[in-house]
């Protein structure tokens, strides 16, 4: 059984696409996925699946969620191995000074690559830093100057439809939960 996390975008934000986590869990179980659990309201679903074809699994989940919850579902799926790599290969010091910086991981929906995404991401000198990873961008911004960060500019761009953002704490917590489930 392969272990995955599904990162849903655009649910339970600003009063739109409101989905209860219990209903979300059931919708994954109906698909025959196992050991389904959710983490916080922003749409993080941990599950097991015999399939290892990410594209098919993503399509199956998106179609089911779109139909069940009446919205255009967009999902990014990462395996346990991929999540380990994302956390392990973060830039040196990333996530280590949370009193000074906000740290986010921008998960990219295939076929979007980090190289392509970096062309659309602008950073404000002295405020933001962005780094390309495998299937992700690592983004940090100075808390004291967060209002001038360019991170919010991404949200208005068409490319944002192929991204979902999780803060560093959520990213590492999801990996921790996956580690626990694999034992």
Protein backbone atom coordinates (compact mmCIF):
# COMPACT_ATOMS: atom_id res chain seq x y z
CA UNK A 1 0.00 0.00 0.00
CA UNK A 2 1.41 3.39 -1.03
CA UNK A 3 0.95 6.34 1.30
CA UNK A 4 -0.04 9.77 -0.04
CA UNK A 5 -1.18 13.21 0.94
CA UNK A 6 -3.72 15.07 -1.17
CA UNK A 7 -3.40 18.85 -0.93
CA UNK A 8 -6.69 20.40 -1.98
CA UNK A 9 -6.71 23.97 -3.19
CA UNK A 10 -9.44 26.51 -2.74
CA UNK A 11 -11.56 24.89 -0.03
CA UNK A 12 -12.69 26.51 3.22
CA UNK A 13 -11.09 29.82 2.27
CA UNK A 14 -13.01 33.08 2.51
CA UNK A 15 -16.33 31.28 2.98
CA UNK A 16 -16.06 29.50 -0.39
CA UNK A 17 -16.20 25.78 -1.16
CA UNK A 18 -16.98 24.89 2.43
CA UNK A 19 -16.36 21.20 3.03
CA UNK A 20 -16.52 19.44 6.38
CA UNK A 21 -13.50 17.26 7.04
CA UNK A 22 -15.74 14.30 7.97
CA UNK A 23 -17.46 14.56 4.56
CA UNK A 24 -14.11 14.89 2.83
CA UNK A 25 -12.82 11.77 4.61
CA UNK A 26 -15.90 9.79 3.54
CA UNK A 27 -15.50 10.90 -0.10
CA UNK A 28 -11.97 9.45 -0.14
CA UNK A 29 -13.10 6.21 1.50
CA UNK A 30 -15.87 5.82 -1.10
CA UNK A 31 -13.11 5.75 -3.73
CA UNK A 32 -11.63 2.70 -2.00
CA UNK A 33 -8.72 4.61 -0.47
CA UNK A 34 -7.55 3.36 2.94
CA UNK A 35 -6.36 4.79 6.27
CA UNK A 36 -7.94 8.14 5.36
CA UNK A 37 -7.40 11.03 7.77
CA UNK A 38 -7.51 14.80 7.45
CA UNK A 39 -5.29 17.47 8.94
CA UNK A 40 -6.65 20.99 9.58
CA UNK A 41 -9.48 22.60 7.61
CA UNK A 42 -7.44 23.74 4.60
CA UNK A 43 -7.78 20.39 2.83
CA UNK A 44 -4.96 18.02 3.65
CA UNK A 45 -5.94 14.37 3.29
CA UNK A 46 -3.64 11.50 4.17
CA UNK A 47 -4.51 8.15 2.60
CA UNK A 48 -3.26 4.82 1.34
CA UNK A 49 -3.76 3.52 -2.20
CA UNK A 50 -2.67 0.46 -4.11
CA UNK A 51 -2.28 2.60 -7.26
CA UNK A 52 0.98 4.40 -7.83
CA UNK A 53 -0.04 6.30 -10.97
CA UNK A 54 -0.23 9.88 -9.66
CA UNK A 55 -1.99 11.25 -12.72
CA UNK A 56 -4.79 8.66 -12.60
CA UNK A 57 -5.17 8.96 -8.84
CA UNK A 58 -5.30 12.76 -9.07
CA UNK A 59 -7.90 12.66 -11.86
CA UNK A 60 -10.04 10.14 -9.95
CA UNK A 61 -9.99 12.24 -6.76
CA UNK A 62 -10.63 15.54 -8.58
CA UNK A 63 -13.60 14.11 -10.48
CA UNK A 64 -15.12 12.62 -7.32
CA UNK A 65 -14.66 15.81 -5.26
CA UNK A 66 -15.98 18.04 -8.06
CA UNK A 67 -19.11 15.91 -8.34
CA UNK A 68 -19.66 15.37 -4.60
CA UNK A 69 -19.05 18.96 -3.47
CA UNK A 70 -20.13 20.85 -6.62
CA UNK A 71 -16.94 22.83 -7.25
CA UNK A 72 -13.99 22.59 -9.66
CA UNK A 73 -11.61 20.46 -7.60
CA UNK A 74 -7.86 20.89 -8.03
CA UNK A 75 -5.61 18.53 -6.08
CA UNK A 76 -1.86 18.09 -5.72
CA UNK A 77 -0.79 14.62 -4.60
CA UNK A 78 2.56 13.75 -3.05
CA UNK A 79 3.82 10.35 -1.91
CA UNK A 80 5.46 9.78 1.45
CA UNK A 81 8.83 9.50 -0.33
CA UNK A 82 8.24 12.82 -2.13
CA UNK A 83 7.27 14.58 1.11
CA UNK A 84 10.46 13.30 2.78
CA UNK A 85 12.47 14.68 -0.13
CA UNK A 86 10.67 18.05 -0.07
CA UNK A 87 11.49 18.54 3.62
CA UNK A 88 15.02 17.11 3.41
CA UNK A 89 15.99 19.18 0.37
CA UNK A 90 14.71 22.52 1.63
CA UNK A 91 17.29 25.31 1.35
CA UNK A 92 19.81 25.47 4.20
CA UNK A 93 18.21 27.18 7.20
CA UNK A 94 14.71 27.19 5.69
CA UNK A 95 12.16 27.18 8.50
CA UNK A 96 14.74 27.83 11.21
CA UNK A 97 13.99 31.49 12.11
CA UNK A 98 10.22 31.61 12.51
CA UNK A 99 10.38 34.68 14.72
CA UNK A 100 11.74 36.69 11.76
CA UNK A 101 10.43 34.95 8.63
CA UNK A 102 7.28 33.27 7.34
CA UNK A 103 8.08 30.12 5.41
CA UNK A 104 5.84 28.57 2.76
CA UNK A 105 6.07 25.63 0.40
CA UNK A 106 4.31 26.16 -2.91
CA UNK A 107 3.31 22.72 -4.20
CA UNK A 108 3.13 22.55 -7.99
CA UNK A 109 0.50 20.60 -9.88
CA UNK A 110 1.93 18.57 -12.73
CA UNK A 111 2.85 19.28 -15.46
CA UNK A 112 4.03 22.63 -13.99
CA UNK A 113 7.71 22.47 -13.07
CA UNK A 114 9.69 24.55 -10.58
CA UNK A 115 11.74 26.06 -13.42
CA UNK A 116 8.55 27.22 -15.18
CA UNK A 117 6.98 28.47 -11.95
CA UNK A 118 10.07 30.48 -10.96
CA UNK A 119 9.66 32.54 -14.16
CA UNK A 120 6.30 33.78 -12.82
CA UNK A 121 7.34 34.36 -9.22
CA UNK A 122 8.71 37.77 -8.38
CA UNK A 123 10.44 38.56 -5.12
CA UNK A 124 10.76 41.89 -3.36
CA UNK A 125 14.41 42.62 -2.67
CA UNK A 126 15.12 42.55 1.08
CA UNK A 127 11.74 40.96 1.85
CA UNK A 128 11.24 37.74 -0.13
CA UNK A 129 13.33 34.78 -1.16
CA UNK A 130 12.21 31.99 -3.49
CA UNK A 131 14.00 28.75 -4.29
CA UNK A 132 13.13 26.00 -6.77
CA UNK A 133 12.83 22.44 -5.52
CA UNK A 134 11.54 19.23 -7.06
CA UNK A 135 7.82 19.87 -7.66
CA UNK A 136 7.82 22.77 -5.20
CA UNK A 137 8.98 26.30 -4.60
CA UNK A 138 10.28 27.33 -1.19
CA UNK A 139 9.25 30.88 -0.34
CA UNK A 140 10.21 32.96 2.69
CA UNK A 141 9.31 36.51 3.59
CA UNK A 142 10.36 38.89 6.32
CA UNK A 143 7.52 39.17 8.86
CA UNK A 144 8.28 42.83 9.58
CA UNK A 145 7.79 43.66 5.89
CA UNK A 146 5.20 41.00 5.01
CA UNK A 147 2.75 43.60 3.66
CA UNK A 148 5.20 44.41 0.86
CA UNK A 149 5.87 40.75 0.01
CA UNK A 150 5.29 39.70 -3.58
CA UNK A 151 3.78 36.34 -2.54
CA UNK A 152 0.26 37.75 -2.87
CA UNK A 153 0.97 38.68 -6.51
CA UNK A 154 1.10 34.98 -7.40
CA UNK A 155 -2.51 34.52 -6.28
CA UNK A 156 -3.81 36.80 -9.03
CA UNK A 157 -1.91 35.04 -11.81
CA UNK A 158 -3.30 32.25 -14.04
CA UNK A 159 -0.37 30.00 -13.04
CA UNK A 160 -1.71 30.02 -9.46
CA UNK A 161 -4.40 27.54 -10.59
CA UNK A 162 -1.59 24.97 -10.75
CA UNK A 163 -0.28 25.65 -7.24
CA UNK A 164 -1.30 25.20 -3.65
CA UNK A 165 0.52 26.74 -0.71
CA UNK A 166 1.19 25.25 2.72
CA UNK A 167 3.23 26.89 5.44
CA UNK A 168 6.39 25.14 6.59
CA UNK A 169 4.85 23.98 9.88
CA UNK A 170 1.96 22.30 8.04
CA UNK A 171 4.36 20.72 5.53
CA UNK A 172 6.57 19.23 8.24
CA UNK A 173 3.55 18.15 10.31
CA UNK A 174 2.10 16.29 7.27
CA UNK A 175 5.42 14.48 6.84
CA UNK A 176 5.45 13.65 10.56
CA UNK A 177 1.93 12.22 10.31
CA UNK A 178 2.94 10.18 7.26
CA UNK A 179 5.99 8.87 9.15
CA UNK A 180 3.74 7.78 12.03
CA UNK A 181 1.30 6.05 9.68
CA UNK A 182 4.08 4.12 7.96
CA UNK A 183 5.13 2.33 11.18
